[in-house]
Amino acid sequence: MRAIGVRSPGGPEVLETVELPVPEPGPGEVRIRTTAAAVNPTDTVFRQVGARPEEGLAPPWVPGMELAGVVDAVGAGVEWGLGRRVMAIVTPRRPLGGAYAERVVVAADAVAAVPDAISDAEAATLPMNGLTVASALHHMALPQGAVLGVTGAAGAVGGYAIELGRVAGLRVVADSAERDRDLVAGLGADVVVPASRDAAAEVAAFREAVPEGVDGLVDAAVLDAAALGIVRDGGVLATVRFWSGPTERDIRVHPVKVRDHLHDGDGIARLAELVLAGQLTLRVADELPAERAAEAHRRLEAGGVRGRLVLTF
């Protein structure tokens, strides 16, 4: 089968089309004929560093953590019907690799049905990014009416944080460059503050809007330690790249680890219900044939992509 693989770590140019054996599903597993795979920052990091030595994974390594497609084989004990449109979350840090492949085997409980009103490209942008934000909000446990801050609000994770924050009854204060202000406000942010590449200016903008600091912050801009200044004493910071401290002023830091949600197909299904209810927006920036994965990675790393780039198979 055709896949997009990495034989040695490097820039976008190391992504290449490779031929791999078609995987077979075991008990409790589903094989998906991939039609769409989202391109995420975690994919670019995986491409840059490759597999860790202790993982013992032989190249080529196949990136990708979320996909959509059609069930084309199932293992024993699985009730998913052949031909069913589905979306799923997967980790590339395994012998079978990730989502950038024509056939992907995942655990049956990593899968959710794709509603008719959602395209495959749209569906591919929901599992990992949606579960990231849902997990962050669950662990933050903010009460209704609390103030949720969002950095990197115009991006895919930031946009979901705004909308899921509103679903949770939170008051959302989000950052935005001037060109994205209408987008961020349209996603439901109650207050939009100027985004800045300068961390001190970013903190100052949030503190001007919320002098005491936000109750909780989803740091989609990956400010890490610099983001602590946005949060009130005793508040909570959710990080998306494993940063966990040191902290200050009794602020609780929760690193969101998507690998803890690789069997949360039910959670993906709940997110799809919010999409159908008009409470969650799926944003596809562009669709590119899988052979143009290097171009997709270059565009993502250049910045300014709004929504997710999606590879099609």
C-alpha atoms as a PDB file:
ATOM      1  CA  MET A   1       0.000   0.000   0.000  1.00  0.00           C
ATOM      2  CA  ARG A   2       0.999   3.622  -0.458  1.00  0.00           C
ATOM      3  CA  ALA A   3       2.050   5.694   2.553  1.00  0.00           C
ATOM      4  CA  ILE A   4       3.984   8.866   3.283  1.00  0.00           C
ATOM      5  CA  GLY A   5       7.068   8.011   5.291  1.00  0.00           C
ATOM      6  CA  VAL A   6      10.246   9.413   6.813  1.00  0.00           C
ATOM      7  CA  ARG A   7      13.476   7.390   6.508  1.00  0.00           C
ATOM      8  CA  SER A   8      15.597   9.828   8.527  1.00  0.00           C
ATOM      9  CA  PRO A   9      14.673  12.958  10.510  1.00  0.00           C
ATOM     10  CA  GLY A  10      14.811  16.292   8.740  1.00  0.00           C
ATOM     11  CA  GLY A  11      12.912  19.025   6.942  1.00  0.00           C
ATOM     12  CA  PRO A  12       9.770  18.626   4.843  1.00  0.00           C
ATOM     13  CA  GLU A  13      11.861  17.258   1.977  1.00  0.00           C
ATOM     14  CA  VAL A  14      12.408  13.955   3.856  1.00  0.00           C
ATOM     15  CA  LEU A  15       8.727  13.058   3.428  1.00  0.00           C
ATOM     16  CA  GLU A  16       8.401  10.548   0.596  1.00  0.00           C
ATOM     17  CA  THR A  17       5.935   8.112  -0.893  1.00  0.00           C
ATOM     18  CA  VAL A  18       6.728   4.571   0.248  1.00  0.00           C
ATOM     19  CA  GLU A  19       5.212   1.142  -0.324  1.00  0.00           C
ATOM     20  CA  LEU A  20       4.332  -0.839   2.793  1.00  0.00           C
ATOM     21  CA  PRO A  21       2.547  -4.148   3.410  1.00  0.00           C
ATOM     22  CA  VAL A  22      -1.206  -3.880   3.885  1.00  0.00           C
ATOM     23  CA  PRO A  23      -1.847  -4.318   7.632  1.00  0.00           C
ATOM     24  CA  GLU A  24      -4.394  -6.846   8.847  1.00  0.00           C
ATOM     25  CA  PRO A  25      -6.681  -6.122  11.820  1.00  0.00           C
ATOM     26  CA  GLY A  26      -6.429  -8.367  14.835  1.00  0.00           C
ATOM     27  CA  PRO A  27      -9.102  -9.058  17.460  1.00  0.00           C
ATOM     28  CA  GLY A  28     -10.789  -5.823  18.537  1.00  0.00           C
ATOM     29  CA  GLU A  29      -9.297  -3.865  15.637  1.00  0.00           C
ATOM     30  CA  VAL A  30     -10.606  -2.066  12.557  1.00  0.00           C
ATOM     31  CA  ARG A  31      -8.870  -1.375   9.265  1.00  0.00           C
ATOM     32  CA  ILE A  32      -9.751   1.938   7.634  1.00  0.00           C
ATOM     33  CA  ARG A  33      -9.273   2.726   3.956  1.00  0.00           C
ATOM     34  CA  THR A  34      -8.018   6.268   4.416  1.00  0.00           C
ATOM     35  CA  THR A  35      -9.529   9.090   2.414  1.00  0.00           C
ATOM     36  CA  ALA A  36      -8.252  12.039   4.478  1.00  0.00           C
ATOM     37  CA  ALA A  37      -5.556  12.649   7.101  1.00  0.00           C
ATOM     38  CA  ALA A  38      -5.085  15.968   8.901  1.00  0.00           C
ATOM     39  CA  VAL A  39      -1.668  17.640   9.081  1.00  0.00           C
ATOM     40  CA  ASN A  40      -0.819  18.821  12.593  1.00  0.00           C
ATOM     41  CA  PRO A  41       2.160  20.461  14.328  1.00  0.00           C
ATOM     42  CA  THR A  42       2.803  17.165  16.104  1.00  0.00           C
ATOM     43  CA  ASP A  43       3.392  15.608  12.671  1.00  0.00           C
ATOM     44  CA  THR A  44       6.092  18.149  11.858  1.00  0.00           C
ATOM     45  CA  VAL A  45       7.799  17.456  15.184  1.00  0.00           C
ATOM     46  CA  PHE A  46       7.682  13.700  14.529  1.00  0.00           C
ATOM     47  CA  ARG A  47       9.205  14.288  11.091  1.00  0.00           C
ATOM     48  CA  GLN A  48      11.981  16.410  12.602  1.00  0.00           C
ATOM     49  CA  VAL A  49      12.993  13.992  15.366  1.00  0.00           C
ATOM     50  CA  GLY A  50      11.822  10.578  14.148  1.00  0.00           C
ATOM     51  CA  ALA A  51      11.235   7.646  16.457  1.00  0.00           C
ATOM     52  CA  ARG A  52      12.979   7.553  19.818  1.00  0.00           C
ATOM     53  CA  PRO A  53      15.702   4.859  20.115  1.00  0.00           C
ATOM     54  CA  GLU A  54      13.903   3.190  23.011  1.00  0.00           C
ATOM     55  CA  GLU A  55      10.792   2.752  20.838  1.00  0.00           C
ATOM     56  CA  GLY A  56      12.661   0.378  18.530  1.00  0.00           C
ATOM     57  CA  LEU A  57      10.728   1.470  15.428  1.00  0.00           C
ATOM     58  CA  ALA A  58      12.361   0.787  12.078  1.00  0.00           C
ATOM     59  CA  PRO A  59      11.999   3.424   9.327  1.00  0.00           C
ATOM     60  CA  PRO A  60      10.202   4.474   7.289  1.00  0.00           C
ATOM     61  CA  TRP A  61       8.177   6.182  10.011  1.00  0.00           C
ATOM     62  CA  VAL A  62       4.639   7.195   9.026  1.00  0.00           C
ATOM     63  CA  PRO A  63       3.345  10.426  10.630  1.00  0.00           C
ATOM     64  CA  GLY A  64      -0.259  11.397  11.332  1.00  0.00           C
ATOM     65  CA  MET A  65      -2.618  11.199  14.307  1.00  0.00           C
ATOM     66  CA  GLU A  66      -6.124  11.670  12.907  1.00  0.00           C
ATOM     67  CA  LEU A  67      -7.896  10.397   9.836  1.00  0.00           C
ATOM     68  CA  ALA A  68     -11.188   9.646   8.149  1.00  0.00           C
ATOM     69  CA  GLY A  69     -12.160   6.960   5.696  1.00  0.00           C
ATOM     70  CA  VAL A  70     -14.152   3.773   5.251  1.00  0.00           C
ATOM     71  CA  VAL A  71     -14.045   0.524   7.233  1.00  0.00           C
ATOM     72  CA  ASP A  72     -12.723  -2.163   4.880  1.00  0.00           C
ATOM     73  CA  ALA A  73     -11.808  -4.981   7.300  1.00  0.00           C
ATOM     74  CA  VAL A  74     -12.471  -5.881  10.929  1.00  0.00           C
ATOM     75  CA  GLY A  75     -10.987  -8.280  13.441  1.00  0.00           C
ATOM     76  CA  ALA A  76     -12.778 -10.733  15.696  1.00  0.00           C
ATOM     77  CA  GLY A  77     -15.290  -9.247  18.084  1.00  0.00           C
ATOM     78  CA  VAL A  78     -15.741  -6.012  16.153  1.00  0.00           C
ATOM     79  CA  GLU A  79     -19.206  -4.795  15.170  1.00  0.00           C
ATOM     80  CA  TRP A  80     -18.286  -1.969  12.788  1.00  0.00           C
ATOM     81  CA  GLY A  81     -19.840  -2.703   9.392  1.00  0.00           C
ATOM     82  CA  LEU A  82     -17.774  -2.793   6.223  1.00  0.00           C
ATOM     83  CA  GLY A  83     -18.199   0.348   4.156  1.00  0.00           C
ATOM     84  CA  ARG A  84     -19.048   2.525   7.173  1.00  0.00           C
ATOM     85  CA  ARG A  85     -17.644   6.058   7.049  1.00  0.00           C
ATOM     86  CA  VAL A  86     -15.550   6.638  10.153  1.00  0.00           C
ATOM     87  CA  MET A  87     -12.939   8.890  11.747  1.00  0.00           C
ATOM     88  CA  ALA A  88     -10.279   7.847  14.239  1.00  0.00           C
ATOM     89  CA  ILE A  89      -7.293   8.833  16.334  1.00  0.00           C
ATOM     90  CA  VAL A  90      -3.998   6.941  16.038  1.00  0.00           C
ATOM     91  CA  THR A  91      -0.416   7.270  17.217  1.00  0.00           C
ATOM     92  CA  PRO A  92       2.498   7.142  14.775  1.00  0.00           C
ATOM     93  CA  ARG A  93       4.753   5.837  17.525  1.00  0.00           C
ATOM     94  CA  ARG A  94       3.980   2.179  16.866  1.00  0.00           C
ATOM     95  CA  PRO A  95       5.218  -0.418  14.348  1.00  0.00           C
ATOM     96  CA  LEU A  96       2.238   0.151  12.022  1.00  0.00           C
ATOM     97  CA  GLY A  97       2.800   3.914  11.950  1.00  0.00           C
ATOM     98  CA  GLY A  98       0.280   6.722  11.803  1.00  0.00           C
ATOM     99  CA  ALA A  99      -2.436   8.170   9.615  1.00  0.00           C
ATOM    100  CA  TYR A 100      -0.523   9.046   6.415  1.00  0.00           C
ATOM    101  CA  ALA A 101      -1.278   5.696   4.756  1.00  0.00           C
ATOM    102  CA  GLU A 102      -3.874   4.148   2.441  1.00  0.00           C
ATOM    103  CA  ARG A 103      -4.810   1.550   5.054  1.00  0.00           C
ATOM    104  CA  VAL A 104      -4.662   2.181   8.809  1.00  0.00           C
ATOM    105  CA  VAL A 105      -5.448  -0.335  11.548  1.00  0.00           C
ATOM    106  CA  VAL A 106      -6.694   1.054  14.862  1.00  0.00           C
ATOM    107  CA  ALA A 107      -8.438  -0.242  17.955  1.00  0.00           C
ATOM    108  CA  ALA A 108     -12.202  -0.408  17.440  1.00  0.00           C
ATOM    109  CA  ASP A 109     -12.734   1.929  20.392  1.00  0.00           C
ATOM    110  CA  ALA A 110     -10.622   4.625  18.683  1.00  0.00           C
ATOM    111  CA  VAL A 111     -13.272   4.972  15.967  1.00  0.00           C
ATOM    112  CA  ALA A 112     -16.415   7.097  15.606  1.00  0.00           C
ATOM    113  CA  ALA A 113     -18.952   7.289  12.799  1.00  0.00           C
ATOM    114  CA  VAL A 114     -18.815  10.246  10.410  1.00  0.00           C
ATOM    115  CA  PRO A 115     -22.269  11.862  10.095  1.00  0.00           C
ATOM    116  CA  ASP A 116     -23.558  12.403   6.552  1.00  0.00           C
ATOM    117  CA  ALA A 117     -23.404  16.189   6.969  1.00  0.00           C
ATOM    118  CA  ILE A 118     -19.630  16.115   7.559  1.00  0.00           C
ATOM    119  CA  SER A 119     -17.128  15.579   4.739  1.00  0.00           C
ATOM    120  CA  ASP A 120     -14.190  13.212   5.133  1.00  0.00           C
ATOM    121  CA  ALA A 121     -11.725  16.117   5.061  1.00  0.00           C
ATOM    122  CA  GLU A 122     -13.654  17.905   7.807  1.00  0.00           C
ATOM    123  CA  ALA A 123     -13.926  14.714   9.859  1.00  0.00           C
ATOM    124  CA  ALA A 124     -10.169  14.173   9.715  1.00  0.00           C
ATOM    125  CA  THR A 125      -9.623  17.451  11.592  1.00  0.00           C
ATOM    126  CA  LEU A 126     -11.766  16.518  14.599  1.00  0.00           C
ATOM    127  CA  PRO A 127     -10.396  13.502  16.551  1.00  0.00           C
ATOM    128  CA  MET A 128      -7.008  14.623  17.875  1.00  0.00           C
ATOM    129  CA  ASN A 129      -7.586  18.364  18.022  1.00  0.00           C
ATOM    130  CA  GLY A 130     -11.070  17.989  19.481  1.00  0.00           C
ATOM    131  CA  LEU A 131      -9.986  15.483  22.118  1.00  0.00           C
ATOM    132  CA  THR A 132      -7.032  17.707  23.041  1.00  0.00           C
ATOM    133  CA  VAL A 133      -9.355  20.557  23.997  1.00  0.00           C
ATOM    134  CA  ALA A 134     -12.021  18.340  25.561  1.00  0.00           C
ATOM    135  CA  SER A 135      -9.338  16.747  27.748  1.00  0.00           C
ATOM    136  CA  ALA A 136      -7.929  20.152  28.723  1.00  0.00           C
ATOM    137  CA  LEU A 137     -11.316  21.483  29.787  1.00  0.00           C
ATOM    138  CA  HIS A 138     -12.176  18.284  31.665  1.00  0.00           C
ATOM    139  CA  HIS A 139      -8.999  18.456  33.746  1.00  0.00           C
ATOM    140  CA  MET A 140      -9.265  22.203  34.276  1.00  0.00           C
ATOM    141  CA  ALA A 141     -12.721  21.660  35.783  1.00  0.00           C
ATOM    142  CA  LEU A 142     -13.686  25.343  35.657  1.00  0.00           C
ATOM    143  CA  PRO A 143     -17.155  26.201  36.984  1.00  0.00           C
ATOM    144  CA  GLN A 144     -19.733  27.842  34.754  1.00  0.00           C
ATOM    145  CA  GLY A 145     -19.112  31.562  34.489  1.00  0.00           C
ATOM    146  CA  ALA A 146     -15.370  31.247  35.040  1.00  0.00           C
ATOM    147  CA  VAL A 147     -12.986  33.052  32.691  1.00  0.00           C
ATOM    148  CA  LEU A 148     -11.165  30.893  30.155  1.00  0.00           C
ATOM    149  CA  GLY A 149      -8.194  32.374  28.326  1.00  0.00           C
ATOM    150  CA  VAL A 150      -7.075  31.041  24.955  1.00  0.00           C
ATOM    151  CA  THR A 151      -3.746  31.794  23.271  1.00  0.00           C
ATOM    152  CA  GLY A 152      -3.241  30.902  19.622  1.00  0.00           C
ATOM    153  CA  ALA A 153      -6.985  31.318  19.286  1.00  0.00           C
ATOM    154  CA  ALA A 154      -7.121  31.536  15.487  1.00  0.00           C
ATOM    155  CA  GLY A 155      -5.555  28.092  15.076  1.00  0.00           C
ATOM    156  CA  ALA A 156      -7.348  24.753  15.074  1.00  0.00           C
ATOM    157  CA  VAL A 157      -6.858  23.942  18.775  1.00  0.00           C
ATOM    158  CA  GLY A 158      -7.524  27.548  19.784  1.00  0.00           C
ATOM    159  CA  GLY A 159     -10.745  27.677  17.804  1.00  0.00           C
ATOM    160  CA  TYR A 160     -12.017  24.486  19.400  1.00  0.00           C
ATOM    161  CA  ALA A 161     -11.066  25.882  22.823  1.00  0.00           C
ATOM    162  CA  ILE A 162     -13.199  28.972  22.249  1.00  0.00           C
ATOM    163  CA  GLU A 163     -16.227  26.997  21.115  1.00  0.00           C
ATOM    164  CA  LEU A 164     -16.000  24.189  23.670  1.00  0.00           C
ATOM    165  CA  GLY A 165     -15.408  26.791  26.364  1.00  0.00           C
ATOM    166  CA  ARG A 166     -18.672  28.448  25.383  1.00  0.00           C
ATOM    167  CA  VAL A 167     -20.438  25.075  25.436  1.00  0.00           C
ATOM    168  CA  ALA A 168     -19.138  24.646  29.010  1.00  0.00           C
ATOM    169  CA  GLY A 169     -20.639  27.986  30.027  1.00  0.00           C
ATOM    170  CA  LEU A 170     -17.332  29.817  30.355  1.00  0.00           C
ATOM    171  CA  ARG A 171     -16.516  33.445  29.545  1.00  0.00           C
ATOM    172  CA  VAL A 172     -13.810  33.298  26.878  1.00  0.00           C
ATOM    173  CA  VAL A 173     -10.993  35.819  26.457  1.00  0.00           C
ATOM    174  CA  ALA A 174      -8.913  34.998  23.389  1.00  0.00           C
ATOM    175  CA  ASP A 175      -5.980  36.525  21.553  1.00  0.00           C
ATOM    176  CA  SER A 176      -5.852  37.420  17.880  1.00  0.00           C
ATOM    177  CA  ALA A 177      -3.762  39.195  15.287  1.00  0.00           C
ATOM    178  CA  GLU A 178      -5.686  42.048  13.703  1.00  0.00           C
ATOM    179  CA  ARG A 179      -6.266  40.053  10.499  1.00  0.00           C
ATOM    180  CA  ASP A 180      -7.956  37.247  12.473  1.00  0.00           C
ATOM    181  CA  ARG A 181     -10.040  39.377  14.803  1.00  0.00           C
ATOM    182  CA  ASP A 182     -13.338  38.766  13.000  1.00  0.00           C
ATOM    183  CA  LEU A 183     -12.619  35.027  12.859  1.00  0.00           C
ATOM    184  CA  VAL A 184     -11.898  34.753  16.589  1.00  0.00           C
ATOM    185  CA  ALA A 185     -14.894  36.890  17.514  1.00  0.00           C
ATOM    186  CA  GLY A 186     -17.061  34.850  15.169  1.00  0.00           C
ATOM    187  CA  LEU A 187     -16.037  31.639  16.918  1.00  0.00           C
ATOM    188  CA  GLY A 188     -17.574  33.078  20.080  1.00  0.00           C
ATOM    189  CA  ALA A 189     -14.853  34.804  22.081  1.00  0.00           C
ATOM    190  CA  ASP A 190     -16.431  37.262  24.512  1.00  0.00           C
ATOM    191  CA  VAL A 191     -13.315  39.442  24.534  1.00  0.00           C
ATOM    192  CA  VAL A 192     -10.568  39.535  21.885  1.00  0.00           C
ATOM    193  CA  VAL A 193      -7.149  40.876  22.918  1.00  0.00           C
ATOM    194  CA  PRO A 194      -4.193  41.645  20.629  1.00  0.00           C
ATOM    195  CA  ALA A 195      -1.867  38.698  20.033  1.00  0.00           C
ATOM    196  CA  SER A 196       1.859  39.344  20.186  1.00  0.00           C
ATOM    197  CA  ARG A 197       5.040  37.414  19.469  1.00  0.00           C
ATOM    198  CA  ASP A 198       6.449  39.174  22.541  1.00  0.00           C
ATOM    199  CA  ALA A 199       5.414  37.190  25.615  1.00  0.00           C
ATOM    200  CA  ALA A 200       5.403  40.220  27.913  1.00  0.00           C
ATOM    201  CA  ALA A 201       3.082  42.085  25.542  1.00  0.00           C
ATOM    202  CA  GLU A 202       0.806  39.038  25.333  1.00  0.00           C
ATOM    203  CA  VAL A 203       0.557  38.859  29.123  1.00  0.00           C
ATOM    204  CA  ALA A 204      -0.096  42.593  29.337  1.00  0.00           C
ATOM    205  CA  ALA A 205      -2.937  42.369  26.810  1.00  0.00           C
ATOM    206  CA  PHE A 206      -4.697  39.643  28.784  1.00  0.00           C
ATOM    207  CA  ARG A 207      -4.116  41.443  32.088  1.00  0.00           C
ATOM    208  CA  GLU A 208      -5.610  44.624  30.689  1.00  0.00           C
ATOM    209  CA  ALA A 209      -8.779  42.686  29.834  1.00  0.00           C
ATOM    210  CA  VAL A 210      -8.762  40.589  33.022  1.00  0.00           C
ATOM    211  CA  PRO A 211      -6.642  42.420  35.642  1.00  0.00           C
ATOM    212  CA  GLU A 212      -6.807  39.612  38.184  1.00  0.00           C
ATOM    213  CA  GLY A 213      -5.846  36.984  35.570  1.00  0.00           C
ATOM    214  CA  VAL A 214      -7.931  34.313  33.885  1.00  0.00           C
ATOM    215  CA  ASP A 215      -9.200  31.343  35.883  1.00  0.00           C
ATOM    216  CA  GLY A 216      -7.851  28.898  33.336  1.00  0.00           C
ATOM    217  CA  LEU A 217      -5.805  29.122  30.150  1.00  0.00           C
ATOM    218  CA  VAL A 218      -5.566  26.831  27.126  1.00  0.00           C
ATOM    219  CA  ASP A 219      -2.109  27.677  25.791  1.00  0.00           C
ATOM    220  CA  ALA A 220      -2.479  26.755  22.116  1.00  0.00           C
ATOM    221  CA  ALA A 221       0.304  29.242  21.255  1.00  0.00           C
ATOM    222  CA  VAL A 222       2.770  27.118  23.285  1.00  0.00           C
ATOM    223  CA  LEU A 223       4.015  29.996  25.429  1.00  0.00           C
ATOM    224  CA  ASP A 224       4.637  27.501  28.260  1.00  0.00           C
ATOM    225  CA  ALA A 225       6.271  29.276  31.249  1.00  0.00           C
ATOM    226  CA  ALA A 226       5.527  32.712  29.810  1.00  0.00           C
ATOM    227  CA  ALA A 227       1.809  31.884  29.858  1.00  0.00           C
ATOM    228  CA  LEU A 228       1.775  31.703  33.657  1.00  0.00           C
ATOM    229  CA  GLY A 229       1.554  35.493  33.803  1.00  0.00           C
ATOM    230  CA  ILE A 230      -1.883  35.363  32.159  1.00  0.00           C
ATOM    231  CA  VAL A 231      -3.343  33.124  34.895  1.00  0.00           C
ATOM    232  CA  ARG A 232      -4.616  34.287  38.282  1.00  0.00           C
ATOM    233  CA  ASP A 233      -3.170  33.040  41.555  1.00  0.00           C
ATOM    234  CA  GLY A 234      -4.423  29.497  42.117  1.00  0.00           C
ATOM    235  CA  GLY A 235      -5.669  29.152  38.540  1.00  0.00           C
ATOM    236  CA  VAL A 236      -4.891  26.428  36.004  1.00  0.00           C
ATOM    237  CA  LEU A 237      -2.822  26.287  32.821  1.00  0.00           C
ATOM    238  CA  ALA A 238      -3.369  23.581  30.188  1.00  0.00           C
ATOM    239  CA  THR A 239      -0.308  23.039  27.964  1.00  0.00           C
ATOM    240  CA  VAL A 240      -0.181  21.111  24.689  1.00  0.00           C
ATOM    241  CA  ARG A 241       3.536  20.242  24.293  1.00  0.00           C
ATOM    242  CA  PHE A 242       4.151  18.403  27.579  1.00  0.00           C
ATOM    243  CA  TRP A 243       5.466  21.436  29.500  1.00  0.00           C
ATOM    244  CA  SER A 244       4.648  20.892  33.184  1.00  0.00           C
ATOM    245  CA  GLY A 245       6.499  23.550  35.140  1.00  0.00           C
ATOM    246  CA  PRO A 246       7.996  24.772  37.349  1.00  0.00           C
ATOM    247  CA  THR A 247       4.953  26.824  38.212  1.00  0.00           C
ATOM    248  CA  GLU A 248       4.276  29.801  40.487  1.00  0.00           C
ATOM    249  CA  ARG A 249       1.549  31.380  42.624  1.00  0.00           C
ATOM    250  CA  ASP A 250      -0.144  28.005  43.208  1.00  0.00           C
ATOM    251  CA  ILE A 251      -1.080  27.746  39.526  1.00  0.00           C
ATOM    252  CA  ARG A 252      -1.854  24.156  38.570  1.00  0.00           C
ATOM    253  CA  VAL A 253      -0.283  23.029  35.285  1.00  0.00           C
ATOM    254  CA  HIS A 254      -1.916  20.245  33.284  1.00  0.00           C
ATOM    255  CA  PRO A 255      -0.011  18.956  30.237  1.00  0.00           C
ATOM    256  CA  VAL A 256      -2.566  17.514  27.803  1.00  0.00           C
ATOM    257  CA  LYS A 257      -1.373  14.112  26.543  1.00  0.00           C
ATOM    258  CA  VAL A 258      -3.410  12.934  23.579  1.00  0.00           C
ATOM    259  CA  ARG A 259      -1.842   9.487  23.902  1.00  0.00           C
ATOM    260  CA  ASP A 260      -4.104   9.067  26.955  1.00  0.00           C
ATOM    261  CA  HIS A 261      -7.118   9.272  24.624  1.00  0.00           C
ATOM    262  CA  LEU A 262      -6.240   6.747  21.923  1.00  0.00           C
ATOM    263  CA  HIS A 263      -9.287   4.673  22.851  1.00  0.00           C
ATOM    264  CA  ASP A 264     -11.819   7.497  23.135  1.00  0.00           C
ATOM    265  CA  GLY A 265     -14.015   6.918  20.103  1.00  0.00           C
ATOM    266  CA  ASP A 266     -17.005   7.772  22.285  1.00  0.00           C
ATOM    267  CA  GLY A 267     -15.461  11.180  22.969  1.00  0.00           C
ATOM    268  CA  ILE A 268     -15.008  11.771  19.236  1.00  0.00           C
ATOM    269  CA  ALA A 269     -18.656  10.847  18.699  1.00  0.00           C
ATOM    270  CA  ARG A 270     -19.740  13.391  21.313  1.00  0.00           C
ATOM    271  CA  LEU A 271     -17.718  16.064  19.544  1.00  0.00           C
ATOM    272  CA  ALA A 272     -19.412  15.161  16.252  1.00  0.00           C
ATOM    273  CA  GLU A 273     -22.786  15.735  17.907  1.00  0.00           C
ATOM    274  CA  LEU A 274     -21.664  19.267  18.798  1.00  0.00           C
ATOM    275  CA  VAL A 275     -20.675  19.828  15.167  1.00  0.00           C
ATOM    276  CA  LEU A 276     -24.141  18.788  14.034  1.00  0.00           C
ATOM    277  CA  ALA A 277     -25.670  21.082  16.661  1.00  0.00           C
ATOM    278  CA  GLY A 278     -23.745  24.046  15.254  1.00  0.00           C
ATOM    279  CA  GLN A 279     -21.647  24.436  18.407  1.00  0.00           C
ATOM    280  CA  LEU A 280     -18.324  23.284  16.982  1.00  0.00           C
ATOM    281  CA  THR A 281     -16.825  24.418  13.675  1.00  0.00           C
ATOM    282  CA  LEU A 282     -14.664  22.196  11.470  1.00  0.00           C
ATOM    283  CA  ARG A 283     -12.216  24.288   9.458  1.00  0.00           C
ATOM    284  CA  VAL A 284     -10.320  22.839   6.500  1.00  0.00           C
ATOM    285  CA  ALA A 285      -7.671  25.270   5.257  1.00  0.00           C
ATOM    286  CA  ASP A 286      -6.921  23.240   2.115  1.00  0.00           C
ATOM    287  CA  GLU A 287      -6.890  19.709   0.724  1.00  0.00           C
ATOM    288  CA  LEU A 288      -3.760  18.344  -0.943  1.00  0.00           C
ATOM    289  CA  PRO A 289      -2.987  14.924  -2.474  1.00  0.00           C
ATOM    290  CA  ALA A 290      -0.897  12.848  -0.080  1.00  0.00           C
ATOM    291  CA  GLU A 291       2.087  13.071  -2.439  1.00  0.00           C
ATOM    292  CA  ARG A 292       2.245  16.789  -1.613  1.00  0.00           C
ATOM    293  CA  ALA A 293       2.786  16.171   2.104  1.00  0.00           C
ATOM    294  CA  ALA A 294       6.076  18.080   2.031  1.00  0.00           C
ATOM    295  CA  GLU A 295       4.261  21.145   0.708  1.00  0.00           C
ATOM    296  CA  ALA A 296       1.654  20.822   3.463  1.00  0.00           C
ATOM    297  CA  HIS A 297       4.380  20.658   6.115  1.00  0.00           C
ATOM    298  CA  ARG A 298       6.133  23.704   4.669  1.00  0.00           C
ATOM    299  CA  ARG A 299       2.919  25.703   4.686  1.00  0.00           C
ATOM    300  CA  LEU A 300       2.109  24.706   8.258  1.00  0.00           C
ATOM    301  CA  GLU A 301       5.591  25.574   9.515  1.00  0.00           C
ATOM    302  CA  ALA A 302       5.519  28.927   7.718  1.00  0.00           C
ATOM    303  CA  GLY A 303       2.598  29.959   9.927  1.00  0.00           C
ATOM    304  CA  GLY A 304      -0.651  31.720   9.121  1.00  0.00           C
ATOM    305  CA  VAL A 305      -2.654  28.570   8.257  1.00  0.00           C
ATOM    306  CA  ARG A 306      -6.190  28.914   9.568  1.00  0.00           C
ATOM    307  CA  GLY A 307      -7.887  25.581  10.088  1.00  0.00           C
ATOM    308  CA  ARG A 308      -6.158  22.347   9.154  1.00  0.00           C
ATOM    309  CA  LEU A 309      -4.429  21.242   5.987  1.00  0.00           C
ATOM    310  CA  VAL A 310      -5.657  17.799   4.963  1.00  0.00           C
ATOM    311  CA  LEU A 311      -3.954  15.118   2.870  1.00  0.00           C
ATOM    312  CA  THR A 312      -6.238  13.116   0.605  1.00  0.00           C
ATOM    313  CA  PHE A 313      -5.740   9.499  -0.518  1.00  0.00           C
END
